[in-house]
Amino acid sequence: MARRKRRRIPIPLIVALVLCLGMVIFCGSQLAGIFLEYKEGTDEYDDLQKYVEEELPEVAYGEDSEDSGEEEERRQRIDLEALKAENEDVIGWIEIPDTEISYPLMQGDDDVYYLHHTFSGKKNSSASIFVEYLNKPDFSEPHTIVYGHNMKNGSMFGGLKEYRNASYLVDHPMIYIDLEDGTHAYEIFSCYETDANSDTYTIGFSAESDPRYERFLKIIKDRSLYDTGIEVSKENRVITLSTCTKSGVKRFVVHGKRVY
């Protein structure tokens, strides 16, 4: 009886299978690395929550009351001294209630370091929430800018994109900034996508009475994706929260005006 010849697997097919297996292993290791890096960043910031009180003062959205009742409302709800003992670059804390956004506010000597490093100085894709280095750390200027990454797991400023929907603003209308003099509240009046080199990022206005500032406020208010119902005037100090879009080319920004 004639012996059957064994069918050999073609060499090109073997090579293709090996390459596919290698690609699967490589992609798996890359995903595992990303997951671990995300977890390290999240764990670090979760641990810092021990320096923050949970309770925030209640503010009625839509009331034009900047600095009204300031002595009564202002209080210190973060242990800034303890945070500064760990990193002297921390200037405060930012929080939007019922969202992932609750982080220390950093400010370095440039806008590069905290784009890549966490509060503890570790290199991590989560990096930090940080204030434009040319701004004053006490948020006393007419316009102050705060930057953060748009993380895929929703951390850092990943949740800002939710403000594309007006219904989200209804449930999350306020931004709280804690500084050395206590808690400040900002109500959101405009949200939209813009270019990285947009005039949205203009700072350095001499005062709220600067005529350029009044024009600036009208521009950023008119750009909003929808009418928030919140008016803003040259007497108001404003902040801009900025993050990259999914494409990385554009930026998504949220503007708030100080209530107190």
Protein backbone atom coordinates (compact mmCIF):
# COMPACT_ATOMS: atom_id res chain seq x y z
CA MET A 1 0.00 0.00 0.00
CA ALA A 2 1.34 3.38 -0.99
CA ARG A 3 2.14 5.73 1.87
CA ARG A 4 0.23 8.97 2.00
CA LYS A 5 2.34 12.04 1.66
CA ARG A 6 2.02 14.47 4.49
CA ARG A 7 0.75 17.85 3.39
CA ARG A 8 3.24 20.50 4.38
CA ILE A 9 2.08 23.94 5.42
CA PRO A 10 3.41 26.41 2.92
CA ILE A 11 6.29 28.50 4.29
CA PRO A 12 4.61 31.83 3.36
CA LEU A 13 1.59 30.80 5.45
CA ILE A 14 3.82 29.93 8.42
CA VAL A 15 5.54 33.29 8.12
CA ALA A 16 2.18 35.06 7.96
CA LEU A 17 0.92 33.21 11.05
CA VAL A 18 4.08 34.04 13.01
CA LEU A 19 3.80 37.68 12.03
CA CYS A 20 0.13 37.78 13.06
CA LEU A 21 0.92 36.15 16.40
CA GLY A 22 3.73 38.62 16.97
CA MET A 23 1.42 41.50 16.17
CA VAL A 24 -1.19 40.22 18.63
CA ILE A 25 1.42 39.90 21.39
CA PHE A 26 2.83 43.35 20.61
CA CYS A 27 -0.60 45.02 20.59
CA GLY A 28 -1.54 43.22 23.79
CA SER A 29 1.60 44.42 25.54
CA GLN A 30 1.00 47.96 24.29
CA LEU A 31 -2.59 47.95 25.58
CA ALA A 32 -1.44 46.52 28.91
CA GLY A 33 1.16 49.27 29.18
CA ILE A 34 -1.43 51.96 28.44
CA PHE A 35 -3.83 50.46 31.00
CA LEU A 36 -1.14 50.36 33.68
CA GLU A 37 -0.09 53.94 32.94
CA TYR A 38 -3.70 55.14 33.14
CA LYS A 39 -4.13 53.26 36.42
CA GLU A 40 -0.97 54.77 37.91
CA GLY A 41 -2.18 58.27 37.06
CA THR A 42 -5.69 57.61 38.38
CA ASP A 43 -4.38 56.04 41.61
CA GLU A 44 -2.09 59.00 42.26
CA TYR A 45 -4.88 61.56 41.92
CA ASP A 46 -7.35 59.41 43.85
CA ASP A 47 -4.90 59.40 46.75
CA LEU A 48 -4.75 63.22 46.73
CA GLN A 49 -8.49 63.44 47.36
CA LYS A 50 -7.71 63.05 51.06
CA TYR A 51 -6.70 66.73 51.08
CA VAL A 52 -10.15 67.89 49.92
CA GLU A 53 -13.44 68.24 51.77
CA GLU A 54 -16.37 66.72 49.91
CA GLU A 55 -18.87 69.48 50.63
CA LEU A 56 -19.10 72.45 48.27
CA PRO A 57 -21.09 75.65 48.89
CA GLU A 58 -24.37 75.85 47.02
CA VAL A 59 -24.58 78.48 44.29
CA ALA A 60 -27.72 79.38 42.32
CA TYR A 61 -26.82 79.16 38.64
CA GLY A 62 -27.62 82.32 36.69
CA GLU A 63 -27.34 84.81 39.52
CA ASP A 64 -25.02 87.67 38.57
CA SER A 65 -23.40 88.03 41.96
CA GLU A 66 -19.65 88.20 41.58
CA ASP A 67 -18.04 88.90 44.94
CA SER A 68 -21.44 89.38 46.59
CA GLY A 69 -21.50 87.76 50.03
CA GLU A 70 -17.83 87.01 49.55
CA GLU A 71 -16.94 87.05 53.24
CA GLU A 72 -19.75 84.65 54.05
CA GLU A 73 -19.09 82.21 51.18
CA ARG A 74 -15.29 82.18 51.12
CA ARG A 75 -13.70 79.36 53.04
CA GLN A 76 -10.76 76.98 52.69
CA ARG A 77 -11.84 73.45 51.77
CA ILE A 78 -8.46 72.04 50.69
CA ASP A 79 -5.30 71.50 52.70
CA LEU A 80 -3.15 73.57 50.39
CA GLU A 81 -0.30 73.67 52.89
CA ALA A 82 -0.04 69.87 52.90
CA LEU A 83 -0.20 69.76 49.10
CA LYS A 84 2.54 72.38 48.82
CA ALA A 85 4.70 70.32 51.13
CA GLU A 86 4.59 67.59 48.48
CA ASN A 87 4.96 69.91 45.47
CA GLU A 88 5.44 73.67 45.74
CA ASP A 89 4.10 74.16 42.19
CA VAL A 90 0.52 73.46 43.29
CA ILE A 91 -1.55 76.64 43.46
CA GLY A 92 -5.01 75.26 44.20
CA TRP A 93 -7.67 72.76 43.23
CA ILE A 94 -10.30 72.53 40.48
CA GLU A 95 -13.58 70.64 40.75
CA ILE A 96 -16.79 70.25 38.77
CA PRO A 97 -19.27 68.45 41.04
CA ASP A 98 -20.56 65.01 39.98
CA THR A 99 -17.85 64.62 37.33
CA GLU A 100 -14.36 63.12 37.17
CA ILE A 101 -12.84 66.60 37.35
CA SER A 102 -11.36 67.04 40.82
CA TYR A 103 -7.62 67.68 40.65
CA PRO A 104 -4.80 69.82 42.00
CA LEU A 105 -4.00 72.90 39.93
CA MET A 106 -0.36 73.14 38.93
CA GLN A 107 1.65 76.02 37.49
CA GLY A 108 5.21 75.65 36.28
CA ASP A 109 7.84 77.85 34.67
CA ASP A 110 6.48 76.92 31.23
CA ASP A 111 3.51 75.14 29.65
CA VAL A 112 5.52 72.02 28.79
CA TYR A 113 6.52 70.25 32.01
CA TYR A 114 3.04 69.60 33.41
CA LEU A 115 1.85 68.60 29.95
CA HIS A 116 3.83 65.39 30.54
CA HIS A 117 4.21 65.04 34.32
CA THR A 118 1.82 64.34 37.16
CA PHE A 119 1.57 66.14 40.50
CA SER A 120 4.33 63.92 41.91
CA GLY A 121 6.65 64.63 38.98
CA LYS A 122 6.21 61.23 37.33
CA LYS A 123 6.17 61.10 33.54
CA ASN A 124 2.67 59.91 32.64
CA SER A 125 0.24 60.47 29.77
CA SER A 126 -2.37 61.70 32.26
CA ALA A 127 0.00 64.51 33.24
CA SER A 128 -1.62 67.36 35.23
CA ILE A 129 -4.26 70.04 35.18
CA PHE A 130 -2.22 73.20 34.96
CA VAL A 131 -2.61 76.96 34.67
CA GLU A 132 -1.07 79.00 31.85
CA TYR A 133 2.37 79.95 33.17
CA LEU A 134 1.97 83.59 32.06
CA ASN A 135 -1.15 83.99 34.21
CA LYS A 136 -1.02 85.10 37.84
CA PRO A 137 -1.54 82.15 40.21
CA ASP A 138 -4.26 83.95 42.20
CA PHE A 139 -6.67 84.13 39.22
CA SER A 140 -6.92 87.90 39.69
CA GLU A 141 -6.54 88.71 35.99
CA PRO A 142 -9.53 89.25 33.70
CA HIS A 143 -8.78 85.99 31.85
CA THR A 144 -7.03 82.87 33.18
CA ILE A 145 -6.49 79.66 31.18
CA VAL A 146 -6.44 76.11 32.58
CA TYR A 147 -5.20 73.17 30.48
CA GLY A 148 -5.72 69.41 30.76
CA HIS A 149 -5.51 66.28 28.61
CA ASN A 150 -8.53 64.66 26.98
CA MET A 151 -7.93 61.15 28.34
CA LYS A 152 -9.70 58.21 26.72
CA ASN A 153 -10.75 56.83 30.11
CA GLY A 154 -12.57 60.10 30.88
CA SER A 155 -10.05 61.31 33.45
CA MET A 156 -8.40 64.74 33.58
CA PHE A 157 -10.32 67.00 31.13
CA GLY A 158 -11.72 64.03 29.19
CA GLY A 159 -15.21 64.92 30.40
CA LEU A 160 -15.23 68.45 28.98
CA LYS A 161 -16.48 67.16 25.63
CA GLU A 162 -19.78 66.31 27.33
CA TYR A 163 -20.54 70.04 27.33
CA ARG A 164 -21.27 69.74 23.63
CA ASN A 165 -24.76 68.88 24.84
CA ALA A 166 -26.78 71.61 26.52
CA SER A 167 -28.44 69.03 28.78
CA TYR A 168 -25.06 68.24 30.35
CA LEU A 169 -24.58 71.89 31.27
CA VAL A 170 -27.93 71.89 33.04
CA ASP A 171 -26.65 69.16 35.38
CA HIS A 172 -23.07 70.49 35.68
CA PRO A 173 -23.22 74.30 35.46
CA MET A 174 -20.51 75.33 37.94
CA ILE A 175 -16.71 75.18 38.15
CA TYR A 176 -15.05 75.54 41.56
CA ILE A 177 -11.52 76.82 41.98
CA ASP A 178 -9.88 76.63 45.42
CA LEU A 179 -6.95 78.98 45.98
CA GLU A 180 -5.02 80.25 49.00
CA ASP A 181 -7.89 82.63 49.87
CA GLY A 182 -10.54 79.90 49.69
CA THR A 183 -13.20 78.66 47.26
CA HIS A 184 -14.24 80.56 44.13
CA ALA A 185 -17.22 79.62 41.96
CA TYR A 186 -17.54 80.12 38.21
CA GLU A 187 -20.69 79.62 36.15
CA ILE A 188 -20.28 78.33 32.60
CA PHE A 189 -21.42 80.71 29.86
CA SER A 190 -19.87 79.33 26.65
CA CYS A 191 -18.62 76.00 25.20
CA TYR A 192 -17.22 75.31 21.72
CA GLU A 193 -14.45 73.86 19.55
CA THR A 194 -11.67 76.10 18.29
CA ASP A 195 -8.17 76.12 16.78
CA ALA A 196 -5.05 75.72 18.89
CA ASN A 197 -3.89 79.19 17.82
CA SER A 198 -7.30 80.81 18.29
CA ASP A 199 -7.73 84.26 19.82
CA THR A 200 -9.65 82.39 22.51
CA TYR A 201 -6.27 82.06 24.22
CA THR A 202 -5.67 85.81 24.47
CA ILE A 203 -4.53 86.91 27.92
CA GLY A 204 -2.78 89.96 29.36
CA PHE A 205 -5.72 92.36 29.44
CA SER A 206 -4.73 95.30 31.63
CA ALA A 207 -8.01 95.34 33.56
CA GLU A 208 -11.71 94.53 33.23
CA SER A 209 -12.10 98.08 31.85
CA ASP A 210 -9.77 97.33 28.92
CA PRO A 211 -11.89 97.89 25.75
CA ARG A 212 -10.18 94.90 24.12
CA TYR A 213 -11.49 92.73 26.92
CA GLU A 214 -15.10 93.67 26.27
CA ARG A 215 -14.70 92.74 22.58
CA PHE A 216 -13.01 89.49 23.58
CA LEU A 217 -15.89 88.51 25.84
CA LYS A 218 -18.44 89.13 23.09
CA ILE A 219 -16.45 86.95 20.69
CA ILE A 220 -16.14 83.96 23.02
CA LYS A 221 -19.77 84.28 24.12
CA ASP A 222 -21.03 84.36 20.52
CA ARG A 223 -19.00 81.26 19.63
CA SER A 224 -20.88 79.04 22.05
CA LEU A 225 -22.50 75.92 20.58
CA TYR A 226 -25.74 76.93 22.29
CA ASP A 227 -27.16 79.75 24.36
CA THR A 228 -26.36 79.05 28.00
CA GLY A 229 -28.56 81.91 29.18
CA ILE A 230 -25.62 83.36 31.12
CA GLU A 231 -24.52 86.90 30.29
CA VAL A 232 -20.97 88.11 30.75
CA SER A 233 -19.64 91.67 30.93
CA LYS A 234 -16.35 93.53 31.24
CA GLU A 235 -16.79 93.60 35.02
CA ASN A 236 -16.48 89.81 35.16
CA ARG A 237 -13.30 87.80 35.51
CA VAL A 238 -13.39 84.62 33.42
CA ILE A 239 -11.58 81.31 33.13
CA THR A 240 -11.10 79.01 30.15
CA LEU A 241 -10.79 75.23 30.52
CA SER A 242 -9.06 73.83 27.43
CA THR A 243 -8.43 70.31 26.15
CA CYS A 244 -7.58 68.57 22.87
CA THR A 245 -10.30 67.04 20.72
CA LYS A 246 -10.20 63.39 19.67
CA SER A 247 -8.32 64.30 16.49
CA GLY A 248 -5.75 66.30 18.45
CA VAL A 249 -5.92 69.11 15.91
CA LYS A 250 -8.66 71.20 17.47
CA ARG A 251 -9.33 72.26 21.07
CA PHE A 252 -12.55 72.13 23.05
CA VAL A 253 -13.00 74.99 25.51
CA VAL A 254 -15.39 75.79 28.33
CA HIS A 255 -15.63 79.38 29.64
CA GLY A 256 -16.85 80.33 33.10
CA LYS A 257 -17.34 83.70 34.80
CA ARG A 258 -16.61 84.24 38.46
CA VAL A 259 -19.61 84.37 40.76
CA TYR A 260 -17.55 84.85 43.92
